[in-house]
Amino acid sequence: MTEDELVAGWRDLLSRYHHTWCALDKALRDGHELGASEFEVLDHLAESPCDKPALRMQELGASVHLSQSALSRVVARMEAEGLVSRAMCATDRRGIYVELTEDGRKRHAEAIATHRSVLAAKLA
């Protein structure tokens, strides 16, 4: 692979990501009043195992690919809307856990078909 082909492949990947993310954000905002980042947080929390209903902020940030400060802002907005709750770790006061509320589960369930539909359309 030449250097030009490598750069072209990278730029194509970035373009597909950007167009997919923007389409997700628009569809989720229009249909469910959720941003794409908010949906990703809901989706990862909804997928966590029953024996682990909450995720540490650091773990969540790594899985949704947001900086710590961006994740804190997203989670604060979601907490204010009643979609998630935060709690301090009982054994490590520096640790903060995030958990879905019933409203968060409901909003996720309502939005998941829209999310998956956009992914299918953009990534097909």
PDB file of N, CA and C in Angstrom:
ATOM      1  N   MET A   1       0.862  -1.178   0.000  1.00  0.00           N
ATOM      2  CA  MET A   1       0.000   0.000   0.000  1.00  0.00           C
ATOM      3  C   MET A   1       0.904   1.236   0.000  1.00  0.00           C
ATOM      4  N   THR A   2       0.600   2.160  -0.880  1.00  0.00           N
ATOM      5  CA  THR A   2       1.394   3.383  -0.947  1.00  0.00           C
ATOM      6  C   THR A   2       0.978   4.338   0.167  1.00  0.00           C
ATOM      7  N   GLU A   3       1.804   5.345   0.394  1.00  0.00           N
ATOM      8  CA  GLU A   3       1.488   6.347   1.404  1.00  0.00           C
ATOM      9  C   GLU A   3       0.205   7.090   1.043  1.00  0.00           C
ATOM     10  N   ASP A   4       0.023   7.406  -0.246  1.00  0.00           N
ATOM     11  CA  ASP A   4      -1.204   8.093  -0.685  1.00  0.00           C
ATOM     12  C   ASP A   4      -2.436   7.237  -0.441  1.00  0.00           C
ATOM     13  N   GLU A   5      -2.334   5.933  -0.685  1.00  0.00           N
ATOM     14  CA  GLU A   5      -3.466   5.028  -0.441  1.00  0.00           C
ATOM     15  C   GLU A   5      -3.764   4.926   1.055  1.00  0.00           C
ATOM     16  N   LEU A   6      -2.715   4.915   1.843  1.00  0.00           N
ATOM     17  CA  LEU A   6      -2.882   4.859   3.293  1.00  0.00           C
ATOM     18  C   LEU A   6      -3.611   6.102   3.803  1.00  0.00           C
ATOM     19  N   VAL A   7      -3.194   7.273   3.357  1.00  0.00           N
ATOM     20  CA  VAL A   7      -3.828   8.526   3.763  1.00  0.00           C
ATOM     21  C   VAL A   7      -5.265   8.585   3.244  1.00  0.00           C
ATOM     22  N   ALA A   8      -5.492   8.149   2.011  1.00  0.00           N
ATOM     23  CA  ALA A   8      -6.849   8.142   1.452  1.00  0.00           C
ATOM     24  C   ALA A   8      -7.760   7.218   2.257  1.00  0.00           C
ATOM     25  N   GLY A   9      -7.249   6.057   2.664  1.00  0.00           N
ATOM     26  CA  GLY A   9      -8.032   5.127   3.488  1.00  0.00           C
ATOM     27  C   GLY A   9      -8.374   5.733   4.836  1.00  0.00           C
ATOM     28  N   TRP A  10      -7.416   6.421   5.452  1.00  0.00           N
ATOM     29  CA  TRP A  10      -7.636   7.084   6.732  1.00  0.00           C
ATOM     30  C   TRP A  10      -8.704   8.157   6.593  1.00  0.00           C
ATOM     31  N   ARG A  11      -8.598   8.961   5.566  1.00  0.00           N
ATOM     32  CA  ARG A  11      -9.567  10.038   5.369  1.00  0.00           C
ATOM     33  C   ARG A  11     -10.956   9.488   5.060  1.00  0.00           C
ATOM     34  N   ASP A  12     -11.021   8.378   4.346  1.00  0.00           N
ATOM     35  CA  ASP A  12     -12.314   7.742   4.078  1.00  0.00           C
ATOM     36  C   ASP A  12     -12.939   7.244   5.390  1.00  0.00           C
ATOM     37  N   LEU A  13     -12.126   6.639   6.250  1.00  0.00           N
ATOM     38  CA  LEU A  13     -12.618   6.173   7.552  1.00  0.00           C
ATOM     39  C   LEU A  13     -13.146   7.344   8.383  1.00  0.00           C
ATOM     40  N   LEU A  14     -12.394   8.442   8.434  1.00  0.00           N
ATOM     41  CA  LEU A  14     -12.846   9.618   9.179  1.00  0.00           C
ATOM     42  C   LEU A  14     -14.140  10.176   8.616  1.00  0.00           C
ATOM     43  N   SER A  15     -14.249  10.214   7.296  1.00  0.00           N
ATOM     44  CA  SER A  15     -15.454  10.733   6.657  1.00  0.00           C
ATOM     45  C   SER A  15     -16.672   9.859   6.979  1.00  0.00           C
ATOM     46  N   ARG A  16     -16.514   8.542   6.882  1.00  0.00           N
ATOM     47  CA  ARG A  16     -17.628   7.629   7.202  1.00  0.00           C
ATOM     48  C   ARG A  16     -18.043   7.769   8.663  1.00  0.00           C
ATOM     49  N   TYR A  17     -17.059   7.879   9.560  1.00  0.00           N
ATOM     50  CA  TYR A  17     -17.356   8.057  10.980  1.00  0.00           C
ATOM     51  C   TYR A  17     -18.135   9.354  11.188  1.00  0.00           C
ATOM     52  N   HIS A  18     -17.640  10.448  10.625  1.00  0.00           N
ATOM     53  CA  HIS A  18     -18.275  11.747  10.811  1.00  0.00           C
ATOM     54  C   HIS A  18     -19.712  11.747  10.281  1.00  0.00           C
ATOM     55  N   HIS A  19     -19.911  11.243   9.082  1.00  0.00           N
ATOM     56  CA  HIS A  19     -21.262  11.229   8.502  1.00  0.00           C
ATOM     57  C   HIS A  19     -22.207  10.334   9.302  1.00  0.00           C
ATOM     58  N   THR A  20     -21.701   9.212   9.782  1.00  0.00           N
ATOM     59  CA  THR A  20     -22.530   8.305  10.588  1.00  0.00           C
ATOM     60  C   THR A  20     -22.874   8.949  11.929  1.00  0.00           C
ATOM     61  N   TRP A  21     -21.873   9.540  12.596  1.00  0.00           N
ATOM     62  CA  TRP A  21     -22.105  10.182  13.896  1.00  0.00           C
ATOM     63  C   TRP A  21     -23.118  11.321  13.764  1.00  0.00           C
ATOM     64  N   CYS A  22     -22.969  12.151  12.732  1.00  0.00           N
ATOM     65  CA  CYS A  22     -23.895  13.277  12.530  1.00  0.00           C
ATOM     66  C   CYS A  22     -25.310  12.786  12.253  1.00  0.00           C
ATOM     67  N   ALA A  23     -25.443  11.721  11.468  1.00  0.00           N
ATOM     68  CA  ALA A  23     -26.768  11.160  11.180  1.00  0.00           C
ATOM     69  C   ALA A  23     -27.391  10.583  12.449  1.00  0.00           C
ATOM     70  N   LEU A  24     -26.585   9.901  13.252  1.00  0.00           N
ATOM     71  CA  LEU A  24     -27.080   9.371  14.530  1.00  0.00           C
ATOM     72  C   LEU A  24     -27.542  10.505  15.434  1.00  0.00           C
ATOM     73  N   ASP A  25     -26.713  11.531  15.559  1.00  0.00           N
ATOM     74  CA  ASP A  25     -27.039  12.643  16.439  1.00  0.00           C
ATOM     75  C   ASP A  25     -28.340  13.317  16.018  1.00  0.00           C
ATOM     76  N   LYS A  26     -28.500  13.549  14.730  1.00  0.00           N
ATOM     77  CA  LYS A  26     -29.718  14.204  14.230  1.00  0.00           C
ATOM     78  C   LYS A  26     -30.956  13.337  14.457  1.00  0.00           C
ATOM     79  N   ALA A  27     -30.878  12.067  14.092  1.00  0.00           N
ATOM     80  CA  ALA A  27     -32.033  11.169  14.240  1.00  0.00           C
ATOM     81  C   ALA A  27     -32.417  11.000  15.706  1.00  0.00           C
ATOM     82  N   LEU A  28     -31.430  10.865  16.580  1.00  0.00           N
ATOM     83  CA  LEU A  28     -31.722  10.678  18.000  1.00  0.00           C
ATOM     84  C   LEU A  28     -32.260  11.955  18.642  1.00  0.00           C
ATOM     85  N   ARG A  29     -31.733  13.100  18.238  1.00  0.00           N
ATOM     86  CA  ARG A  29     -32.246  14.375  18.767  1.00  0.00           C
ATOM     87  C   ARG A  29     -33.672  14.623  18.280  1.00  0.00           C
ATOM     88  N   ASP A  30     -33.890  14.436  16.975  1.00  0.00           N
ATOM     89  CA  ASP A  30     -35.217  14.676  16.398  1.00  0.00           C
ATOM     90  C   ASP A  30     -36.268  13.721  16.952  1.00  0.00           C
ATOM     91  N   GLY A  31     -35.904  12.459  17.100  1.00  0.00           N
ATOM     92  CA  GLY A  31     -36.887  11.453  17.496  1.00  0.00           C
ATOM     93  C   GLY A  31     -36.997  11.185  18.980  1.00  0.00           C
ATOM     94  N   HIS A  32     -35.926  11.480  19.725  1.00  0.00           N
ATOM     95  CA  HIS A  32     -35.914  11.045  21.128  1.00  0.00           C
ATOM     96  C   HIS A  32     -35.317  12.061  22.099  1.00  0.00           C
ATOM     97  N   GLU A  33     -34.971  13.236  21.605  1.00  0.00           N
ATOM     98  CA  GLU A  33     -34.363  14.282  22.437  1.00  0.00           C
ATOM     99  C   GLU A  33     -33.122  13.783  23.169  1.00  0.00           C
ATOM    100  N   LEU A  34     -32.307  13.001  22.441  1.00  0.00           N
ATOM    101  CA  LEU A  34     -31.041  12.489  22.961  1.00  0.00           C
ATOM    102  C   LEU A  34     -29.943  12.813  21.959  1.00  0.00           C
ATOM    103  N   GLY A  35     -28.780  13.212  22.450  1.00  0.00           N
ATOM    104  CA  GLY A  35     -27.632  13.330  21.579  1.00  0.00           C
ATOM    105  C   GLY A  35     -27.001  11.962  21.388  1.00  0.00           C
ATOM    106  N   ALA A  36     -26.129  11.848  20.407  1.00  0.00           N
ATOM    107  CA  ALA A  36     -25.465  10.574  20.147  1.00  0.00           C
ATOM    108  C   ALA A  36     -24.612  10.139  21.345  1.00  0.00           C
ATOM    109  N   SER A  37     -23.928  11.076  21.985  1.00  0.00           N
ATOM    110  CA  SER A  37     -23.119  10.725  23.165  1.00  0.00           C
ATOM    111  C   SER A  37     -24.003  10.236  24.305  1.00  0.00           C
ATOM    112  N   GLU A  38     -25.132  10.891  24.487  1.00  0.00           N
ATOM    113  CA  GLU A  38     -26.059  10.464  25.544  1.00  0.00           C
ATOM    114  C   GLU A  38     -26.581   9.057  25.259  1.00  0.00           C
ATOM    115  N   PHE A  39     -26.914   8.794  24.003  1.00  0.00           N
ATOM    116  CA  PHE A  39     -27.387   7.456  23.669  1.00  0.00           C
ATOM    117  C   PHE A  39     -26.296   6.424  23.934  1.00  0.00           C
ATOM    118  N   GLU A  40     -25.049   6.734  23.570  1.00  0.00           N
ATOM    119  CA  GLU A  40     -23.958   5.791  23.794  1.00  0.00           C
ATOM    120  C   GLU A  40     -23.810   5.462  25.279  1.00  0.00           C
ATOM    121  N   VAL A  41     -23.948   6.458  26.136  1.00  0.00           N
ATOM    122  CA  VAL A  41     -23.890   6.215  27.576  1.00  0.00           C
ATOM    123  C   VAL A  41     -25.036   5.292  27.988  1.00  0.00           C
ATOM    124  N   LEU A  42     -26.257   5.601  27.537  1.00  0.00           N
ATOM    125  CA  LEU A  42     -27.406   4.742  27.859  1.00  0.00           C
ATOM    126  C   LEU A  42     -27.179   3.320  27.351  1.00  0.00           C
ATOM    127  N   ASP A  43     -26.677   3.197  26.124  1.00  0.00           N
ATOM    128  CA  ASP A  43     -26.490   1.883  25.504  1.00  0.00           C
ATOM    129  C   ASP A  43     -25.480   1.047  26.288  1.00  0.00           C
ATOM    130  N   HIS A  44     -24.370   1.647  26.673  1.00  0.00           N
ATOM    131  CA  HIS A  44     -23.361   0.894  27.436  1.00  0.00           C
ATOM    132  C   HIS A  44     -23.879   0.519  28.820  1.00  0.00           C
ATOM    133  N   LEU A  45     -24.605   1.417  29.461  1.00  0.00           N
ATOM    134  CA  LEU A  45     -25.171   1.092  30.774  1.00  0.00           C
ATOM    135  C   LEU A  45     -26.232  -0.001  30.651  1.00  0.00           C
ATOM    136  N   ALA A  46     -27.041   0.051  29.607  1.00  0.00           N
ATOM    137  CA  ALA A  46     -28.091  -0.957  29.416  1.00  0.00           C
ATOM    138  C   ALA A  46     -27.492  -2.334  29.135  1.00  0.00           C
ATOM    139  N   GLU A  47     -26.314  -2.366  28.541  1.00  0.00           N
ATOM    140  CA  GLU A  47     -25.666  -3.635  28.221  1.00  0.00           C
ATOM    141  C   GLU A  47     -24.877  -4.225  29.379  1.00  0.00           C
ATOM    142  N   SER A  48     -24.697  -3.473  30.466  1.00  0.00           N
ATOM    143  CA  SER A  48     -23.896  -4.012  31.569  1.00  0.00           C
ATOM    144  C   SER A  48     -24.645  -5.168  32.221  1.00  0.00           C
ATOM    145  N   PRO A  49     -23.906  -6.170  32.656  1.00  0.00           N
ATOM    146  CA  PRO A  49     -24.534  -7.363  33.237  1.00  0.00           C
ATOM    147  C   PRO A  49     -25.361  -7.048  34.478  1.00  0.00           C
ATOM    148  N   CYS A  50     -26.343  -7.899  34.742  1.00  0.00           N
ATOM    149  CA  CYS A  50     -27.242  -7.702  35.886  1.00  0.00           C
ATOM    150  C   CYS A  50     -26.482  -7.676  37.212  1.00  0.00           C
ATOM    151  N   ASP A  51     -25.380  -8.426  37.295  1.00  0.00           N
ATOM    152  CA  ASP A  51     -24.620  -8.440  38.541  1.00  0.00           C
ATOM    153  C   ASP A  51     -23.744  -7.196  38.670  1.00  0.00           C
ATOM    154  N   LYS A  52     -23.740  -6.352  37.640  1.00  0.00           N
ATOM    155  CA  LYS A  52     -22.946  -5.125  37.646  1.00  0.00           C
ATOM    156  C   LYS A  52     -23.797  -4.017  37.040  1.00  0.00           C
ATOM    157  N   PRO A  53     -24.833  -3.571  37.746  1.00  0.00           N
ATOM    158  CA  PRO A  53     -25.789  -2.626  37.164  1.00  0.00           C
ATOM    159  C   PRO A  53     -25.245  -1.217  36.959  1.00  0.00           C
ATOM    160  N   ALA A  54     -24.107  -0.900  37.567  1.00  0.00           N
ATOM    161  CA  ALA A  54     -23.525   0.438  37.440  1.00  0.00           C
ATOM    162  C   ALA A  54     -22.101   0.298  36.928  1.00  0.00           C
ATOM    163  N   LEU A  55     -21.631   1.325  36.256  1.00  0.00           N
ATOM    164  CA  LEU A  55     -20.258   1.343  35.749  1.00  0.00           C
ATOM    165  C   LEU A  55     -19.503   2.518  36.362  1.00  0.00           C
ATOM    166  N   ARG A  56     -18.219   2.314  36.626  1.00  0.00           N
ATOM    167  CA  ARG A  56     -17.374   3.424  37.075  1.00  0.00           C
ATOM    168  C   ARG A  56     -17.229   4.423  35.944  1.00  0.00           C
ATOM    169  N   MET A  57     -17.130   5.688  36.268  1.00  0.00           N
ATOM    170  CA  MET A  57     -16.978   6.739  35.254  1.00  0.00           C
ATOM    171  C   MET A  57     -15.794   6.451  34.331  1.00  0.00           C
ATOM    172  N   GLN A  58     -14.671   6.015  34.883  1.00  0.00           N
ATOM    173  CA  GLN A  58     -13.498   5.742  34.054  1.00  0.00           C
ATOM    174  C   GLN A  58     -13.784   4.634  33.046  1.00  0.00           C
ATOM    175  N   GLU A  59     -14.451   3.593  33.495  1.00  0.00           N
ATOM    176  CA  GLU A  59     -14.794   2.465  32.630  1.00  0.00           C
ATOM    177  C   GLU A  59     -15.764   2.912  31.539  1.00  0.00           C
ATOM    178  N   LEU A  60     -16.739   3.700  31.926  1.00  0.00           N
ATOM    179  CA  LEU A  60     -17.721   4.217  30.980  1.00  0.00           C
ATOM    180  C   LEU A  60     -17.059   5.133  29.953  1.00  0.00           C
ATOM    181  N   GLY A  61     -16.181   6.019  30.417  1.00  0.00           N
ATOM    182  CA  GLY A  61     -15.483   6.935  29.516  1.00  0.00           C
ATOM    183  C   GLY A  61     -14.658   6.204  28.477  1.00  0.00           C
ATOM    184  N   ALA A  62     -13.999   5.130  28.880  1.00  0.00           N
ATOM    185  CA  ALA A  62     -13.197   4.345  27.939  1.00  0.00           C
ATOM    186  C   ALA A  62     -14.066   3.655  26.907  1.00  0.00           C
ATOM    187  N   SER A  63     -15.239   3.197  27.300  1.00  0.00           N
ATOM    188  CA  SER A  63     -16.096   2.470  26.356  1.00  0.00           C
ATOM    189  C   SER A  63     -16.867   3.390  25.415  1.00  0.00           C
ATOM    190  N   VAL A  64     -17.144   4.620  25.827  1.00  0.00           N
ATOM    191  CA  VAL A  64     -17.867   5.550  24.943  1.00  0.00           C
ATOM    192  C   VAL A  64     -16.923   6.545  24.269  1.00  0.00           C
ATOM    193  N   HIS A  65     -15.627   6.416  24.550  1.00  0.00           N
ATOM    194  CA  HIS A  65     -14.589   7.225  23.897  1.00  0.00           C
ATOM    195  C   HIS A  65     -14.803   8.724  24.086  1.00  0.00           C
ATOM    196  N   LEU A  66     -15.060   9.103  25.327  1.00  0.00           N
ATOM    197  CA  LEU A  66     -15.170  10.517  25.684  1.00  0.00           C
ATOM    198  C   LEU A  66     -14.101  10.840  26.715  1.00  0.00           C
ATOM    199  N   SER A  67     -13.616  12.067  26.677  1.00  0.00           N
ATOM    200  CA  SER A  67     -12.677  12.496  27.716  1.00  0.00           C
ATOM    201  C   SER A  67     -13.418  12.522  29.047  1.00  0.00           C
ATOM    202  N   GLN A  68     -12.660  12.547  30.129  1.00  0.00           N
ATOM    203  CA  GLN A  68     -13.278  12.575  31.452  1.00  0.00           C
ATOM    204  C   GLN A  68     -14.171  13.804  31.626  1.00  0.00           C
ATOM    205  N   SER A  69     -13.703  14.959  31.156  1.00  0.00           N
ATOM    206  CA  SER A  69     -14.507  16.170  31.330  1.00  0.00           C
ATOM    207  C   SER A  69     -15.756  16.142  30.454  1.00  0.00           C
ATOM    208  N   ALA A  70     -15.652  15.651  29.225  1.00  0.00           N
ATOM    209  CA  ALA A  70     -16.833  15.557  28.352  1.00  0.00           C
ATOM    210  C   ALA A  70     -17.845  14.576  28.934  1.00  0.00           C
ATOM    211  N   LEU A  71     -17.355  13.443  29.439  1.00  0.00           N
ATOM    212  CA  LEU A  71     -18.259  12.462  30.045  1.00  0.00           C
ATOM    213  C   LEU A  71     -18.940  13.046  31.272  1.00  0.00           C
ATOM    214  N   SER A  72     -18.211  13.784  32.085  1.00  0.00           N
ATOM    215  CA  SER A  72     -18.805  14.403  33.277  1.00  0.00           C
ATOM    216  C   SER A  72     -19.946  15.344  32.890  1.00  0.00           C
ATOM    217  N   ARG A  73     -19.751  16.114  31.838  1.00  0.00           N
ATOM    218  CA  ARG A  73     -20.809  17.039  31.382  1.00  0.00           C
ATOM    219  C   ARG A  73     -22.027  16.264  30.863  1.00  0.00           C
ATOM    220  N   VAL A  74     -21.782  15.218  30.073  1.00  0.00           N
ATOM    221  CA  VAL A  74     -22.886  14.405  29.533  1.00  0.00           C
ATOM    222  C   VAL A  74     -23.660  13.756  30.670  1.00  0.00           C
ATOM    223  N   VAL A  75     -22.947  13.141  31.614  1.00  0.00           N
ATOM    224  CA  VAL A  75     -23.600  12.451  32.737  1.00  0.00           C
ATOM    225  C   VAL A  75     -24.353  13.449  33.614  1.00  0.00           C
ATOM    226  N   ALA A  76     -23.798  14.627  33.820  1.00  0.00           N
ATOM    227  CA  ALA A  76     -24.501  15.650  34.623  1.00  0.00           C
ATOM    228  C   ALA A  76     -25.816  16.048  33.958  1.00  0.00           C
ATOM    229  N   ARG A  77     -25.804  16.252  32.638  1.00  0.00           N
ATOM    230  CA  ARG A  77     -27.049  16.564  31.914  1.00  0.00           C
ATOM    231  C   ARG A  77     -28.050  15.427  32.028  1.00  0.00           C
ATOM    232  N   MET A  78     -27.563  14.212  31.865  1.00  0.00           N
ATOM    233  CA  MET A  78     -28.442  13.046  31.928  1.00  0.00           C
ATOM    234  C   MET A  78     -29.001  12.841  33.330  1.00  0.00           C
ATOM    235  N   GLU A  79     -28.206  13.133  34.345  1.00  0.00           N
ATOM    236  CA  GLU A  79     -28.682  13.024  35.727  1.00  0.00           C
ATOM    237  C   GLU A  79     -29.771  14.071  35.983  1.00  0.00           C
ATOM    238  N   ALA A  80     -29.575  15.276  35.474  1.00  0.00           N
ATOM    239  CA  ALA A  80     -30.572  16.340  35.641  1.00  0.00           C
ATOM    240  C   ALA A  80     -31.885  15.972  34.954  1.00  0.00           C
ATOM    241  N   GLU A  81     -31.803  15.196  33.879  1.00  0.00           N
ATOM    242  CA  GLU A  81     -33.013  14.741  33.166  1.00  0.00           C
ATOM    243  C   GLU A  81     -33.613  13.488  33.781  1.00  0.00           C
ATOM    244  N   GLY A  82     -32.947  12.913  34.775  1.00  0.00           N
ATOM    245  CA  GLY A  82     -33.460  11.719  35.432  1.00  0.00           C
ATOM    246  C   GLY A  82     -33.178  10.423  34.691  1.00  0.00           C
ATOM    247  N   LEU A  83     -32.200  10.433  33.769  1.00  0.00           N
ATOM    248  CA  LEU A  83     -31.899   9.234  32.986  1.00  0.00           C
ATOM    249  C   LEU A  83     -30.865   8.330  33.646  1.00  0.00           C
ATOM    250  N   VAL A  84     -29.997   8.920  34.468  1.00  0.00           N
ATOM    251  CA  VAL A  84     -28.974   8.163  35.193  1.00  0.00           C
ATOM    252  C   VAL A  84     -28.866   8.727  36.601  1.00  0.00           C
ATOM    253  N   SER A  85     -28.236   7.950  37.460  1.00  0.00           N
ATOM    254  CA  SER A  85     -27.903   8.449  38.802  1.00  0.00           C
ATOM    255  C   SER A  85     -26.422   8.168  39.031  1.00  0.00           C
ATOM    256  N   ARG A  86     -25.826   8.988  39.884  1.00  0.00           N
ATOM    257  CA  ARG A  86     -24.414   8.817  40.244  1.00  0.00           C
ATOM    258  C   ARG A  86     -24.312   8.510  41.726  1.00  0.00           C
ATOM    259  N   ALA A  87     -23.325   7.695  42.059  1.00  0.00           N
ATOM    260  CA  ALA A  87     -23.087   7.367  43.470  1.00  0.00           C
ATOM    261  C   ALA A  87     -21.591   7.201  43.692  1.00  0.00           C
ATOM    262  N   MET A  88     -21.153   7.575  44.877  1.00  0.00           N
ATOM    263  CA  MET A  88     -19.755   7.387  45.260  1.00  0.00           C
ATOM    264  C   MET A  88     -19.501   5.913  45.545  1.00  0.00           C
ATOM    265  N   CYS A  89     -18.315   5.469  45.229  1.00  0.00           N
ATOM    266  CA  CYS A  89     -17.904   4.108  45.551  1.00  0.00           C
ATOM    267  C   CYS A  89     -17.718   3.999  47.061  1.00  0.00           C
ATOM    268  N   ALA A  90     -18.273   2.963  47.659  1.00  0.00           N
ATOM    269  CA  ALA A  90     -18.199   2.793  49.110  1.00  0.00           C
ATOM    270  C   ALA A  90     -16.779   2.512  49.593  1.00  0.00           C
ATOM    271  N   THR A  91     -15.965   1.864  48.767  1.00  0.00           N
ATOM    272  CA  THR A  91     -14.619   1.484  49.186  1.00  0.00           C
ATOM    273  C   THR A  91     -13.537   2.441  48.687  1.00  0.00           C
ATOM    274  N   ASP A  92     -13.858   3.259  47.695  1.00  0.00           N
ATOM    275  CA  ASP A  92     -12.878   4.202  47.138  1.00  0.00           C
ATOM    276  C   ASP A  92     -13.594   5.515  46.872  1.00  0.00           C
ATOM    277  N   ARG A  93     -13.444   6.471  47.763  1.00  0.00           N
ATOM    278  CA  ARG A  93     -14.193   7.732  47.676  1.00  0.00           C
ATOM    279  C   ARG A  93     -13.899   8.517  46.401  1.00  0.00           C
ATOM    280  N   ARG A  94     -12.826   8.161  45.685  1.00  0.00           N
ATOM    281  CA  ARG A  94     -12.521   8.842  44.430  1.00  0.00           C
ATOM    282  C   ARG A  94     -13.365   8.289  43.283  1.00  0.00           C
ATOM    283  N   GLY A  95     -13.896   7.086  43.463  1.00  0.00           N
ATOM    284  CA  GLY A  95     -14.641   6.416  42.409  1.00  0.00           C
ATOM    285  C   GLY A  95     -16.103   6.843  42.380  1.00  0.00           C
ATOM    286  N   ILE A  96     -16.597   7.096  41.192  1.00  0.00           N
ATOM    287  CA  ILE A  96     -18.010   7.449  41.014  1.00  0.00           C
ATOM    288  C   ILE A  96     -18.623   6.434  40.060  1.00  0.00           C
ATOM    289  N   TYR A  97     -19.771   5.916  40.449  1.00  0.00           N
ATOM    290  CA  TYR A  97     -20.500   4.964  39.624  1.00  0.00           C
ATOM    291  C   TYR A  97     -21.694   5.653  38.973  1.00  0.00           C
ATOM    292  N   VAL A  98     -22.027   5.212  37.758  1.00  0.00           N
ATOM    293  CA  VAL A  98     -23.184   5.717  37.031  1.00  0.00           C
ATOM    294  C   VAL A  98     -24.107   4.536  36.781  1.00  0.00           C
ATOM    295  N   GLU A  99     -25.402   4.764  37.026  1.00  0.00           N
ATOM    296  CA  GLU A  99     -26.396   3.699  36.859  1.00  0.00           C
ATOM    297  C   GLU A  99     -27.612   4.247  36.135  1.00  0.00           C
ATOM    298  N   LEU A 100     -28.213   3.419  35.291  1.00  0.00           N
ATOM    299  CA  LEU A 100     -29.453   3.797  34.611  1.00  0.00           C
ATOM    300  C   LEU A 100     -30.601   3.889  35.597  1.00  0.00           C
ATOM    301  N   THR A 101     -31.467   4.840  35.386  1.00  0.00           N
ATOM    302  CA  THR A 101     -32.729   4.904  36.133  1.00  0.00           C
ATOM    303  C   THR A 101     -33.790   4.199  35.280  1.00  0.00           C
ATOM    304  N   GLU A 102     -34.965   4.041  35.821  1.00  0.00           N
ATOM    305  CA  GLU A 102     -36.056   3.453  35.029  1.00  0.00           C
ATOM    306  C   GLU A 102     -36.376   4.332  33.815  1.00  0.00           C
ATOM    307  N   ASP A 103     -36.361   5.661  34.005  1.00  0.00           N
ATOM    308  CA  ASP A 103     -36.582   6.566  32.870  1.00  0.00           C
ATOM    309  C   ASP A 103     -35.489   6.408  31.818  1.00  0.00           C
ATOM    310  N   GLY A 104     -34.264   6.193  32.256  1.00  0.00           N
ATOM    311  CA  GLY A 104     -33.160   5.970  31.328  1.00  0.00           C
ATOM    312  C   GLY A 104     -33.343   4.694  30.536  1.00  0.00           C
ATOM    313  N   ARG A 105     -33.779   3.636  31.211  1.00  0.00           N
ATOM    314  CA  ARG A 105     -34.054   2.362  30.513  1.00  0.00           C
ATOM    315  C   ARG A 105     -35.169   2.535  29.489  1.00  0.00           C
ATOM    316  N   LYS A 106     -36.196   3.268  29.872  1.00  0.00           N
ATOM    317  CA  LYS A 106     -37.325   3.492  28.962  1.00  0.00           C
ATOM    318  C   LYS A 106     -36.881   4.293  27.738  1.00  0.00           C
ATOM    319  N   ARG A 107     -36.130   5.372  27.957  1.00  0.00           N
ATOM    320  CA  ARG A 107     -35.684   6.212  26.842  1.00  0.00           C
ATOM    321  C   ARG A 107     -34.756   5.420  25.921  1.00  0.00           C
ATOM    322  N   HIS A 108     -33.896   4.598  26.498  1.00  0.00           N
ATOM    323  CA  HIS A 108     -33.014   3.753  25.703  1.00  0.00           C
ATOM    324  C   HIS A 108     -33.836   2.787  24.852  1.00  0.00           C
ATOM    325  N   ALA A 109     -34.812   2.138  25.458  1.00  0.00           N
ATOM    326  CA  ALA A 109     -35.652   1.179  24.728  1.00  0.00           C
ATOM    327  C   ALA A 109     -36.401   1.857  23.578  1.00  0.00           C
ATOM    328  N   GLU A 110     -36.821   3.091  23.786  1.00  0.00           N
ATOM    329  CA  GLU A 110     -37.530   3.824  22.736  1.00  0.00           C
ATOM    330  C   GLU A 110     -36.593   4.238  21.598  1.00  0.00           C
ATOM    331  N   ALA A 111     -35.339   4.496  21.912  1.00  0.00           N
ATOM    332  CA  ALA A 111     -34.407   5.038  20.919  1.00  0.00           C
ATOM    333  C   ALA A 111     -33.560   3.986  20.205  1.00  0.00           C
ATOM    334  N   ILE A 112     -33.510   2.784  20.723  1.00  0.00           N
ATOM    335  CA  ILE A 112     -32.581   1.798  20.177  1.00  0.00           C
ATOM    336  C   ILE A 112     -32.877   1.449  18.714  1.00  0.00           C
ATOM    337  N   ALA A 113     -34.142   1.373  18.344  1.00  0.00           N
ATOM    338  CA  ALA A 113     -34.471   1.045  16.953  1.00  0.00           C
ATOM    339  C   ALA A 113     -33.990   2.148  16.001  1.00  0.00           C
ATOM    340  N   THR A 114     -34.125   3.396  16.409  1.00  0.00           N
ATOM    341  CA  THR A 114     -33.637   4.516  15.594  1.00  0.00           C
ATOM    342  C   THR A 114     -32.129   4.416  15.432  1.00  0.00           C
ATOM    343  N   HIS A 115     -31.430   4.171  16.518  1.00  0.00           N
ATOM    344  CA  HIS A 115     -29.974   4.050  16.492  1.00  0.00           C
ATOM    345  C   HIS A 115     -29.535   2.949  15.538  1.00  0.00           C
ATOM    346  N   ARG A 116     -30.112   1.778  15.704  1.00  0.00           N
ATOM    347  CA  ARG A 116     -29.716   0.632  14.885  1.00  0.00           C
ATOM    348  C   ARG A 116     -30.095   0.841  13.406  1.00  0.00           C
ATOM    349  N   SER A 117     -31.205   1.510  13.167  1.00  0.00           N
ATOM    350  CA  SER A 117     -31.631   1.802  11.792  1.00  0.00           C
ATOM    351  C   SER A 117     -30.634   2.717  11.087  1.00  0.00           C
ATOM    352  N   VAL A 118     -30.188   3.755  11.774  1.00  0.00           N
ATOM    353  CA  VAL A 118     -29.194   4.665  11.183  1.00  0.00           C
ATOM    354  C   VAL A 118     -27.887   3.909  10.934  1.00  0.00           C
ATOM    355  N   LEU A 119     -27.464   3.104  11.889  1.00  0.00           N
ATOM    356  CA  LEU A 119     -26.240   2.326  11.697  1.00  0.00           C
ATOM    357  C   LEU A 119     -26.363   1.411  10.478  1.00  0.00           C
ATOM    358  N   ALA A 120     -27.496   0.739  10.347  1.00  0.00           N
ATOM    359  CA  ALA A 120     -27.688  -0.165   9.208  1.00  0.00           C
ATOM    360  C   ALA A 120     -27.645   0.609   7.891  1.00  0.00           C
ATOM    361  N   ALA A 121     -28.259   1.771   7.860  1.00  0.00           N
ATOM    362  CA  ALA A 121     -28.284   2.569   6.634  1.00  0.00           C
ATOM    363  C   ALA A 121     -26.900   3.116   6.282  1.00  0.00           C
ATOM    364  N   LYS A 122     -26.187   3.586   7.273  1.00  0.00           N
ATOM    365  CA  LYS A 122     -24.894   4.246   7.005  1.00  0.00           C
ATOM    366  C   LYS A 122     -23.743   3.258   6.836  1.00  0.00           C
ATOM    367  N   LEU A 123     -23.816   2.109   7.472  1.00  0.00           N
ATOM    368  CA  LEU A 123     -22.692   1.182   7.447  1.00  0.00           C
ATOM    369  C   LEU A 123     -22.905  -0.005   6.523  1.00  0.00           C
ATOM    370  N   ALA A 124     -24.019  -0.026   5.816  1.00  0.00           N
ATOM    371  CA  ALA A 124     -24.320  -1.141   4.895  1.00  0.00           C
ATOM    372  C   ALA A 124     -23.358  -1.120   3.710  1.00  0.00           C
TER     373      ALA A 124
END
